[in-house]
């Protein structure tokens, strides 16, 4: 089959650097010449949608053309039939996240600033926050007091983050699966929990954490720069369920721009924001000494608690809470009863901190408002007649649980949600065809994602939320939906 394309037009775009490009705009009839006895021909169009600022990734559109009215083995030129293409996503219909909207409206400098601030904020997510004492302790054991070495360690750590996020972003974009969905596999969760226990044994002196000699010799000894990079890779994995939506959205934007240097700078800004607090921590950190022994012991109990953190989707919330509490409280008692002339102040400080954290998990939480949700159903949404909120979640998604526990249970949020039809869509099993269909239909790149429909059933793209949001900000978001 031979296609007969109509004349194109020549245009210059902002992203093309003054180079004029051949483009098509609007509805374009494409004729073809075919010589076949088949009754149906499948045509495939490779295209890339662009506007004056950015291009979407290249896509393929397919169409089945019926030749039932054409005699066999005859050649005839005819325009493609006017019917909907499959897999066709025009630029105007492409989902626009906040990062893309900022880049389109305000350009690269403000986008880089927002990515840096976003990286700082990601340190407070439930996936990253528990890793802060572990990471700082690692740096403390590697630093010899020289500022240049501290900066080199931090740079290696950030480089590890950039590599991990870039690789995970590429994998998510190519596979089309939800970012972080690999954490649904029990083997992965158990493996990470066992890794935490192995690392905890190192903190108690059972073995010394080193890397192979051929790496250590090239990185300054011990775990050195290579170890810092590996730590960045590891934190990137741990953080994946929380930062996944940000990374996937960023990768989609970078793929659309098509400029590797800009992509590297964007990922670098996000990773630098996530890693920059450790630059400050390293600068304020005293030289290695007896105090490190006490910190390592405290870190060991924190790592045991982290094992329960990874097992939470398998053992349930109650077992998770009591497991973490027991780990931290036993650590506090151990440090309080330890004896030693040096490092007494820091030992008692670490013990007190573990005691406070452990008690926080023991104290019963005040129950907030109870919000009832319906299971996702197309008829429920179609016949709603009032605003609809769809909560896309997964059992392995820790920020989803945080939304349930901290935001949806807030009384002000619950009162505002009363005027919505509330629907939850379970995306736990990414291999389920129904889940794949929903993921594609609503362009879900990560969970939690909250989609809002107005009373007429139209999605309000500006109100879409990916990730956790505190109750005050969420109430303000709800009030904009009518």
Protein backbone atom coordinates (compact mmCIF):
# COMPACT_ATOMS: atom_id res chain seq x y z
CA UNK A 1 0.00 0.00 0.00
CA UNK A 2 1.31 3.42 -0.92
CA UNK A 3 0.13 6.56 0.88
CA UNK A 4 -0.43 9.82 -0.98
CA UNK A 5 0.21 12.61 1.53
CA UNK A 6 -1.15 16.10 0.81
CA UNK A 7 1.22 19.12 0.70
CA UNK A 8 2.58 20.09 4.11
CA UNK A 9 3.07 23.52 5.60
CA UNK A 10 6.32 25.01 6.91
CA UNK A 11 6.42 26.51 10.40
CA UNK A 12 8.95 27.68 12.98
CA UNK A 13 8.51 26.69 16.62
CA UNK A 14 10.00 28.07 19.80
CA UNK A 15 11.64 24.74 20.62
CA UNK A 16 13.12 24.29 17.10
CA UNK A 17 15.67 27.06 17.55
CA UNK A 18 14.68 28.90 14.38
CA UNK A 19 14.66 25.75 12.21
CA UNK A 20 11.57 25.50 10.01
CA UNK A 21 9.70 22.20 10.18
CA UNK A 22 7.29 20.50 7.80
CA UNK A 23 4.00 19.94 9.63
CA UNK A 24 0.32 19.14 9.16
CA UNK A 25 -2.39 21.00 11.06
CA UNK A 26 -6.10 20.29 11.46
CA UNK A 27 -7.89 17.45 9.60
CA UNK A 28 -5.75 16.04 6.78
CA UNK A 29 -7.13 13.51 4.22
CA UNK A 30 -4.52 10.93 3.26
CA UNK A 31 -5.13 9.01 0.04
CA UNK A 32 -3.62 5.60 -0.65
CA UNK A 33 -3.10 3.12 -3.45
CA UNK A 34 -3.56 -0.56 -2.62
CA UNK A 35 -3.37 -3.73 -4.67
CA UNK A 36 -4.87 -6.59 -2.66
CA UNK A 37 -7.66 -9.15 -2.58
CA UNK A 38 -8.27 -8.62 1.13
CA UNK A 39 -11.54 -7.08 2.32
CA UNK A 40 -9.89 -4.98 5.05
CA UNK A 41 -6.65 -3.05 5.12
CA UNK A 42 -5.03 -1.95 8.35
CA UNK A 43 -3.24 1.38 8.06
CA UNK A 44 -0.73 2.66 10.58
CA UNK A 45 0.30 6.31 11.00
CA UNK A 46 3.40 7.31 12.96
CA UNK A 47 3.00 10.89 14.22
CA UNK A 48 4.13 13.38 16.85
CA UNK A 49 1.83 16.11 18.18
CA UNK A 50 3.37 19.50 18.97
CA UNK A 51 2.38 23.02 19.84
CA UNK A 52 4.58 26.13 19.85
CA UNK A 53 6.29 25.16 23.11
CA UNK A 54 6.58 21.42 23.50
CA UNK A 55 6.12 18.12 21.65
CA UNK A 56 4.52 14.94 22.94
CA UNK A 57 6.40 11.64 22.49
CA UNK A 58 5.91 10.00 19.06
CA UNK A 59 2.88 7.70 18.83
CA UNK A 60 1.21 5.32 16.38
CA UNK A 61 -2.42 5.58 15.22
CA UNK A 62 -4.07 2.59 13.49
CA UNK A 63 -7.25 2.26 11.44
CA UNK A 64 -9.02 -0.65 9.74
CA UNK A 65 -10.27 0.37 6.25
CA UNK A 66 -13.01 -1.72 4.66
CA UNK A 67 -12.66 -2.51 0.94
CA UNK A 68 -15.89 -4.47 0.68
CA UNK A 69 -17.17 -2.26 -2.13
CA UNK A 70 -13.99 -2.58 -4.19
CA UNK A 71 -13.51 -5.50 -6.58
CA UNK A 72 -10.77 -8.02 -5.82
CA UNK A 73 -7.25 -7.39 -7.12
CA UNK A 74 -8.26 -3.91 -8.33
CA UNK A 75 -6.22 -0.84 -7.67
CA UNK A 76 -8.02 2.21 -6.46
CA UNK A 77 -7.05 5.44 -4.75
CA UNK A 78 -9.38 6.60 -2.01
CA UNK A 79 -9.12 8.82 1.06
CA UNK A 80 -8.99 7.26 4.46
CA UNK A 81 -12.43 6.86 5.99
CA UNK A 82 -13.50 9.39 8.58
CA UNK A 83 -13.63 7.29 11.71
CA UNK A 84 -11.96 7.55 15.10
CA UNK A 85 -8.37 6.37 15.24
CA UNK A 86 -7.16 4.11 18.04
CA UNK A 87 -4.31 5.14 20.30
CA UNK A 88 -4.60 8.76 19.11
CA UNK A 89 -3.98 11.43 21.73
CA UNK A 90 -4.12 15.01 20.41
CA UNK A 91 -2.00 17.55 22.26
CA UNK A 92 -5.05 19.41 23.56
CA UNK A 93 -6.32 16.23 25.22
CA UNK A 94 -3.02 15.16 26.76
CA UNK A 95 -3.07 15.22 30.57
CA UNK A 96 -1.22 18.26 31.92
CA UNK A 97 0.37 17.91 35.35
CA UNK A 98 1.62 20.86 37.37
CA UNK A 99 5.21 20.47 36.22
CA UNK A 100 4.24 20.53 32.54
CA UNK A 101 1.84 23.44 33.06
CA UNK A 102 4.58 25.45 34.81
CA UNK A 103 7.08 24.73 32.05
CA UNK A 104 4.61 25.69 29.32
CA UNK A 105 3.56 28.89 31.09
CA UNK A 106 6.74 30.15 32.75
CA UNK A 107 9.68 28.40 31.12
CA UNK A 108 12.72 26.51 32.40
CA UNK A 109 14.07 28.69 35.28
CA UNK A 110 10.87 28.64 37.37
CA UNK A 111 10.39 24.95 36.58
CA UNK A 112 13.87 24.16 37.94
CA UNK A 113 13.16 26.14 41.10
CA UNK A 114 9.87 24.31 41.66
CA UNK A 115 11.59 20.95 41.09
CA UNK A 116 14.28 21.84 43.63
CA UNK A 117 11.71 22.90 46.25
CA UNK A 118 9.70 19.78 45.44
CA UNK A 119 12.80 17.67 46.08
CA UNK A 120 13.19 19.32 49.48
CA UNK A 121 9.54 18.58 50.29
CA UNK A 122 9.94 14.92 49.27
CA UNK A 123 12.21 14.42 52.29
CA UNK A 124 9.07 14.69 54.43
CA UNK A 125 7.13 11.97 52.59
CA UNK A 126 6.50 8.74 54.53
CA UNK A 127 8.83 6.82 52.17
CA UNK A 128 11.86 9.11 52.46
CA UNK A 129 11.62 10.51 55.98
CA UNK A 130 12.56 7.25 57.77
CA UNK A 131 15.72 7.10 55.64
CA UNK A 132 17.08 10.45 56.86
CA UNK A 133 18.81 9.17 60.05
CA UNK A 134 20.16 6.17 58.15
CA UNK A 135 21.62 8.34 55.40
CA UNK A 136 23.12 10.88 57.78
CA UNK A 137 24.63 8.08 59.83
CA UNK A 138 26.14 6.57 56.69
CA UNK A 139 27.74 9.90 55.80
CA UNK A 140 29.02 10.26 59.35
CA UNK A 141 30.85 6.93 59.10
CA UNK A 142 32.38 7.83 55.73
CA UNK A 143 33.43 11.42 56.40
CA UNK A 144 36.88 12.14 57.80
CA UNK A 145 36.20 15.77 58.65
CA UNK A 146 37.43 17.25 55.37
CA UNK A 147 34.89 19.60 53.76
CA UNK A 148 35.99 18.63 50.26
CA UNK A 149 35.30 14.96 50.98
CA UNK A 150 31.92 15.79 52.48
CA UNK A 151 30.93 17.66 49.33
CA UNK A 152 32.21 14.80 47.16
CA UNK A 153 30.15 12.28 49.14
CA UNK A 154 27.02 14.43 48.80
CA UNK A 155 27.62 14.88 45.06
CA UNK A 156 27.95 11.09 44.64
CA UNK A 157 24.77 10.60 46.65
CA UNK A 158 22.84 13.04 44.44
CA UNK A 159 24.29 11.38 41.33
CA UNK A 160 22.91 8.06 42.57
CA UNK A 161 19.49 9.65 43.00
CA UNK A 162 19.58 11.12 39.47
CA UNK A 163 20.53 7.76 37.95
CA UNK A 164 17.86 5.85 39.87
CA UNK A 165 15.08 8.32 39.08
CA UNK A 166 16.02 8.49 35.42
CA UNK A 167 16.06 4.69 35.11
CA UNK A 168 12.79 4.26 37.01
CA UNK A 169 11.19 7.02 34.95
CA UNK A 170 12.26 5.36 31.68
CA UNK A 171 11.07 1.94 32.89
CA UNK A 172 7.68 3.31 33.94
CA UNK A 173 7.22 5.19 30.67
CA UNK A 174 8.17 2.18 28.54
CA UNK A 175 6.19 -0.42 30.49
CA UNK A 176 3.05 1.69 30.88
CA UNK A 177 2.63 0.31 34.38
CA UNK A 178 1.92 2.23 37.54
CA UNK A 179 5.02 3.60 39.15
CA UNK A 180 5.76 1.62 42.28
CA UNK A 181 3.43 -1.26 41.38
CA UNK A 182 6.38 -3.67 41.66
CA UNK A 183 6.07 -3.20 45.43
CA UNK A 184 2.89 -5.27 45.37
CA UNK A 185 4.97 -8.45 45.06
CA UNK A 186 5.46 -10.11 48.47
CA UNK A 187 8.92 -11.34 47.45
CA UNK A 188 10.11 -7.75 46.90
CA UNK A 189 8.68 -6.58 50.22
CA UNK A 190 10.15 -9.50 52.16
CA UNK A 191 13.49 -9.03 50.42
CA UNK A 192 13.64 -5.34 51.40
CA UNK A 193 12.66 -6.18 54.99
CA UNK A 194 15.45 -8.78 55.20
CA UNK A 195 17.88 -6.22 53.77
CA UNK A 196 16.94 -3.84 56.61
CA UNK A 197 17.66 -6.57 59.17
CA UNK A 198 21.02 -7.35 57.56
CA UNK A 199 21.96 -3.66 57.63
CA UNK A 200 20.79 -3.47 61.26
CA UNK A 201 23.16 -6.28 62.18
CA UNK A 202 25.97 -4.20 60.69
CA UNK A 203 25.01 -1.31 62.97
CA UNK A 204 25.39 -3.65 65.97
CA UNK A 205 28.90 -4.68 64.89
CA UNK A 206 28.10 -8.10 63.42
CA UNK A 207 29.93 -7.16 60.21
CA UNK A 208 31.48 -4.12 58.57
CA UNK A 209 29.79 -2.54 55.56
CA UNK A 210 32.34 -2.29 52.75
CA UNK A 211 32.40 -2.56 48.99
CA UNK A 212 34.64 -4.75 46.78
CA UNK A 213 38.30 -3.72 46.75
CA UNK A 214 38.36 -2.85 43.05
CA UNK A 215 35.66 -0.24 43.74
CA UNK A 216 37.08 0.95 47.05
CA UNK A 217 40.51 1.47 45.50
CA UNK A 218 38.96 3.82 42.96
CA UNK A 219 36.71 5.68 45.38
CA UNK A 220 38.99 6.62 48.26
CA UNK A 221 38.63 3.59 50.55
CA UNK A 222 35.82 2.03 52.61
CA UNK A 223 32.44 2.54 50.95
CA UNK A 224 33.65 5.98 49.83
CA UNK A 225 32.18 7.73 46.83
CA UNK A 226 30.87 4.50 45.35
CA UNK A 227 29.07 3.76 48.61
CA UNK A 228 27.49 7.20 48.62
CA UNK A 229 26.25 6.65 45.07
CA UNK A 230 24.84 3.25 46.07
CA UNK A 231 23.11 4.90 49.03
CA UNK A 232 21.51 7.35 46.58
CA UNK A 233 20.35 4.45 44.43
CA UNK A 234 18.92 2.69 47.48
CA UNK A 235 17.05 5.77 48.73
CA UNK A 236 15.69 6.20 45.20
CA UNK A 237 14.19 2.71 45.37
CA UNK A 238 12.72 3.24 48.84
CA UNK A 239 11.24 6.58 47.80
CA UNK A 240 9.73 5.27 44.56
CA UNK A 241 6.14 4.80 45.80
CA UNK A 242 6.02 8.39 47.10
CA UNK A 243 7.94 10.26 44.43
CA UNK A 244 6.88 8.08 41.49
CA UNK A 245 4.13 10.38 40.16
CA UNK A 246 6.54 13.33 40.17
CA UNK A 247 9.25 11.37 38.37
CA UNK A 248 6.89 9.93 35.72
CA UNK A 249 5.35 13.36 35.06
CA UNK A 250 8.83 14.84 34.76
CA UNK A 251 10.00 12.08 32.44
CA UNK A 252 6.95 12.57 30.20
CA UNK A 253 7.77 16.26 29.93
CA UNK A 254 11.45 15.57 29.20
CA UNK A 255 10.53 13.03 26.52
CA UNK A 256 8.25 15.61 24.92
CA UNK A 257 10.94 18.30 24.89
CA UNK A 258 13.41 15.89 23.35
CA UNK A 259 16.55 17.67 24.65
CA UNK A 260 18.79 15.46 26.84
CA UNK A 261 20.61 18.38 28.43
CA UNK A 262 17.36 19.95 29.66
CA UNK A 263 16.22 16.55 30.88
CA UNK A 264 19.43 16.04 32.83
CA UNK A 265 19.15 19.50 34.41
CA UNK A 266 15.52 18.87 35.42
CA UNK A 267 16.23 15.50 37.02
CA UNK A 268 19.34 17.02 38.61
CA UNK A 269 17.28 19.83 40.18
CA UNK A 270 14.83 17.36 41.72
CA UNK A 271 17.60 15.11 43.03
CA UNK A 272 19.61 18.09 44.32
CA UNK A 273 16.57 19.26 46.29
CA UNK A 274 16.20 15.79 47.79
CA UNK A 275 19.90 15.53 48.59
CA UNK A 276 20.74 19.11 49.63
CA UNK A 277 19.69 18.74 53.31
CA UNK A 278 22.55 16.28 53.70
CA UNK A 279 25.01 18.93 52.52
CA UNK A 280 23.91 21.04 55.51
CA UNK A 281 23.93 18.04 57.85
CA UNK A 282 27.45 17.07 56.82
CA UNK A 283 28.79 20.58 57.31
CA UNK A 284 27.40 20.72 60.86
CA UNK A 285 28.50 17.21 61.76
CA UNK A 286 31.41 16.78 64.21
CA UNK A 287 34.44 14.67 63.38
CA UNK A 288 34.04 10.89 63.70
CA UNK A 289 34.47 9.63 67.25
CA UNK A 290 32.85 7.72 70.11
CA UNK A 291 29.53 9.46 69.39
CA UNK A 292 29.25 7.43 66.16
CA UNK A 293 29.00 4.20 68.14
CA UNK A 294 25.86 5.43 69.90
CA UNK A 295 24.35 6.69 66.65
CA UNK A 296 25.01 3.36 64.95
CA UNK A 297 23.23 1.46 67.72
CA UNK A 298 20.21 3.77 67.52
CA UNK A 299 20.21 3.40 63.74
CA UNK A 300 20.17 -0.36 64.09
CA UNK A 301 16.83 -0.26 65.93
CA UNK A 302 15.48 2.23 63.37
CA UNK A 303 16.41 -0.22 60.60
CA UNK A 304 14.50 -3.00 62.40
CA UNK A 305 11.50 -0.67 62.49
CA UNK A 306 12.02 -0.07 58.74
CA UNK A 307 11.65 -3.82 58.18
CA UNK A 308 8.11 -3.61 59.60
CA UNK A 309 7.55 -0.54 57.41
CA UNK A 310 8.17 -2.60 54.26
CA UNK A 311 6.08 -5.50 55.54
CA UNK A 312 3.09 -3.28 56.31
CA UNK A 313 1.08 -4.26 53.17
CA UNK A 314 1.51 -7.94 54.12
CA UNK A 315 1.03 -7.90 57.91
CA UNK A 316 -1.59 -5.14 58.25
CA UNK A 317 -1.62 -1.79 60.00
CA UNK A 318 -1.93 -3.10 63.58
CA UNK A 319 1.03 -5.48 63.32
CA UNK A 320 3.03 -2.74 61.61
CA UNK A 321 2.29 -0.24 64.37
CA UNK A 322 3.14 -2.61 67.23
CA UNK A 323 6.22 -3.94 65.44
CA UNK A 324 7.63 -0.45 64.96
CA UNK A 325 6.76 0.52 68.53
CA UNK A 326 8.47 -2.57 69.95
CA UNK A 327 11.61 -1.99 67.86
CA UNK A 328 11.98 1.61 68.97
CA UNK A 329 11.09 1.06 72.64
CA UNK A 330 13.46 -1.90 73.00
CA UNK A 331 16.14 0.30 71.46
CA UNK A 332 15.42 3.06 73.94
CA UNK A 333 15.68 0.67 76.91
CA UNK A 334 18.89 -0.83 75.54
CA UNK A 335 20.54 2.58 75.18
CA UNK A 336 19.33 3.77 78.59
CA UNK A 337 20.82 0.68 80.29
CA UNK A 338 24.10 0.75 78.35
CA UNK A 339 27.22 1.77 80.20
CA UNK A 340 30.13 3.77 78.88
CA UNK A 341 32.23 6.77 79.86
CA UNK A 342 32.27 8.40 76.43
CA UNK A 343 29.28 9.50 74.41
CA UNK A 344 26.94 9.44 77.42
CA UNK A 345 25.07 12.61 76.44
CA UNK A 346 24.47 11.49 72.87
CA UNK A 347 23.50 7.98 74.03
CA UNK A 348 20.83 9.39 76.33
CA UNK A 349 19.66 11.76 73.60
CA UNK A 350 19.27 8.88 71.11
CA UNK A 351 17.50 6.78 73.75
CA UNK A 352 15.08 9.62 74.52
CA UNK A 353 14.33 10.12 70.82
CA UNK A 354 13.61 6.41 70.32
CA UNK A 355 11.40 6.47 73.42
CA UNK A 356 9.35 9.38 72.10
CA UNK A 357 8.98 7.86 68.63
CA UNK A 358 8.08 4.45 70.02
CA UNK A 359 5.50 5.93 72.41
CA UNK A 360 3.91 7.77 69.49
CA UNK A 361 3.11 4.42 67.88
CA UNK A 362 1.77 2.96 71.14
CA UNK A 363 -0.60 5.79 72.05
CA UNK A 364 -4.04 5.10 70.53
CA UNK A 365 -4.86 7.51 67.75
CA UNK A 366 -7.91 9.68 68.03
CA UNK A 367 -10.46 8.49 65.53
CA UNK A 368 -11.57 11.17 63.14
CA UNK A 369 -14.54 11.36 60.82
CA UNK A 370 -15.54 8.24 58.89
CA UNK A 371 -16.08 8.79 55.15
CA UNK A 372 -17.93 6.12 53.20
CA UNK A 373 -16.75 5.34 49.66
CA UNK A 374 -18.36 3.37 46.85
CA UNK A 375 -16.54 0.88 44.65
CA UNK A 376 -15.76 2.23 41.18
CA UNK A 377 -18.65 1.71 38.80
CA UNK A 378 -19.30 3.47 35.49
CA UNK A 379 -23.05 3.73 36.12
CA UNK A 380 -22.50 5.38 39.50
CA UNK A 381 -20.38 8.08 37.88
CA UNK A 382 -22.65 8.55 34.85
CA UNK A 383 -25.81 8.91 36.95
CA UNK A 384 -24.22 10.99 39.72
CA UNK A 385 -25.92 14.33 38.99
CA UNK A 386 -23.47 16.08 41.30
CA UNK A 387 -19.70 16.43 41.69
CA UNK A 388 -17.72 13.18 41.77
CA UNK A 389 -14.36 12.41 43.38
CA UNK A 390 -12.53 9.26 42.26
CA UNK A 391 -9.72 8.05 44.51
CA UNK A 392 -7.32 5.80 42.59
CA UNK A 393 -5.37 3.80 45.19
CA UNK A 394 -3.48 0.55 45.72
CA UNK A 395 -2.89 -1.64 48.75
CA UNK A 396 0.89 -1.28 48.36
CA UNK A 397 0.65 2.54 48.24
CA UNK A 398 1.77 4.11 51.54
CA UNK A 399 0.77 7.70 50.62
CA UNK A 400 -2.73 6.31 49.91
CA UNK A 401 -2.93 5.13 53.52
CA UNK A 402 -1.65 8.51 54.66
CA UNK A 403 -4.48 10.22 52.77
CA UNK A 404 -7.03 7.95 54.45
CA UNK A 405 -5.58 8.41 57.94
CA UNK A 406 -4.73 12.12 57.92
CA UNK A 407 -6.80 13.86 55.25
CA UNK A 408 -10.05 11.99 54.65
CA UNK A 409 -10.52 11.52 58.40
CA UNK A 410 -10.37 15.27 59.00
CA UNK A 411 -13.81 16.59 59.99
CA UNK A 412 -13.64 19.66 57.75
CA UNK A 413 -12.69 17.46 54.78
CA UNK A 414 -15.45 14.97 55.58
CA UNK A 415 -18.04 17.76 55.76
CA UNK A 416 -16.98 19.11 52.35
CA UNK A 417 -16.98 15.60 50.85
CA UNK A 418 -20.66 15.16 51.76
CA UNK A 419 -21.72 16.96 48.56
CA UNK A 420 -19.63 14.58 46.38
CA UNK A 421 -20.29 11.11 45.05
CA UNK A 422 -17.23 9.38 46.53
CA UNK A 423 -15.71 6.52 44.52
CA UNK A 424 -12.59 4.44 45.12
CA UNK A 425 -10.86 2.63 42.24
CA UNK A 426 -8.54 -0.19 43.34
CA UNK A 427 -5.42 -0.38 41.13
CA UNK A 428 -3.52 -2.88 43.28
CA UNK A 429 -3.30 -5.63 40.65
CA UNK A 430 -1.67 -4.00 37.65
CA UNK A 431 -1.98 -7.23 35.63
CA UNK A 432 -5.79 -7.07 35.77
CA UNK A 433 -7.18 -5.96 32.36
CA UNK A 434 -9.82 -3.83 34.13
CA UNK A 435 -7.08 -2.03 36.07
CA UNK A 436 -5.07 -1.49 32.88
CA UNK A 437 -8.16 -0.08 31.18
CA UNK A 438 -8.82 2.37 34.03
CA UNK A 439 -5.16 3.38 34.16
CA UNK A 440 -5.21 4.20 30.44
CA UNK A 441 -8.65 5.82 30.47
CA UNK A 442 -7.77 8.31 33.19
CA UNK A 443 -4.05 8.60 32.33
CA UNK A 444 -2.96 7.49 35.81
CA UNK A 445 0.83 7.57 36.24
CA UNK A 446 0.98 6.90 39.97
CA UNK A 447 -1.12 6.53 43.08
CA UNK A 448 -2.72 8.08 44.93
CA UNK A 449 -4.41 10.07 42.15
CA UNK A 450 -7.65 11.94 42.82
CA UNK A 451 -9.81 12.85 39.84
CA UNK A 452 -12.63 15.38 40.15
CA UNK A 453 -15.71 15.57 37.92
CA UNK A 454 -18.14 18.48 37.99
CA UNK A 455 -21.91 18.11 38.12
CA UNK A 456 -22.02 17.73 34.33
CA UNK A 457 -19.56 14.83 34.41
CA UNK A 458 -16.61 16.79 32.99
CA UNK A 459 -13.18 16.20 34.52
CA UNK A 460 -11.58 19.27 36.09
CA UNK A 461 -7.95 18.80 35.04
CA UNK A 462 -6.75 21.75 37.11
CA UNK A 463 -7.99 20.09 40.31
CA UNK A 464 -6.47 16.67 39.69
CA UNK A 465 -4.22 15.63 42.59
CA UNK A 466 -1.37 13.14 42.55
CA UNK A 467 0.18 12.35 45.92
CA UNK A 468 -0.58 13.33 49.49
CA UNK A 469 -2.12 16.68 50.47
CA UNK A 470 -2.82 18.02 53.96
CA UNK A 471 -6.43 18.60 55.07
CA UNK A 472 -6.36 22.42 54.82
CA UNK A 473 -5.11 22.45 51.23
CA UNK A 474 -7.46 19.62 50.28
CA UNK A 475 -10.51 21.48 51.61
CA UNK A 476 -9.54 24.48 49.47
CA UNK A 477 -9.27 22.16 46.45
CA UNK A 478 -12.70 20.63 47.13
CA UNK A 479 -14.35 24.05 47.32
CA UNK A 480 -13.32 24.79 43.74
CA UNK A 481 -15.31 21.84 42.42
CA UNK A 482 -18.95 22.53 41.61
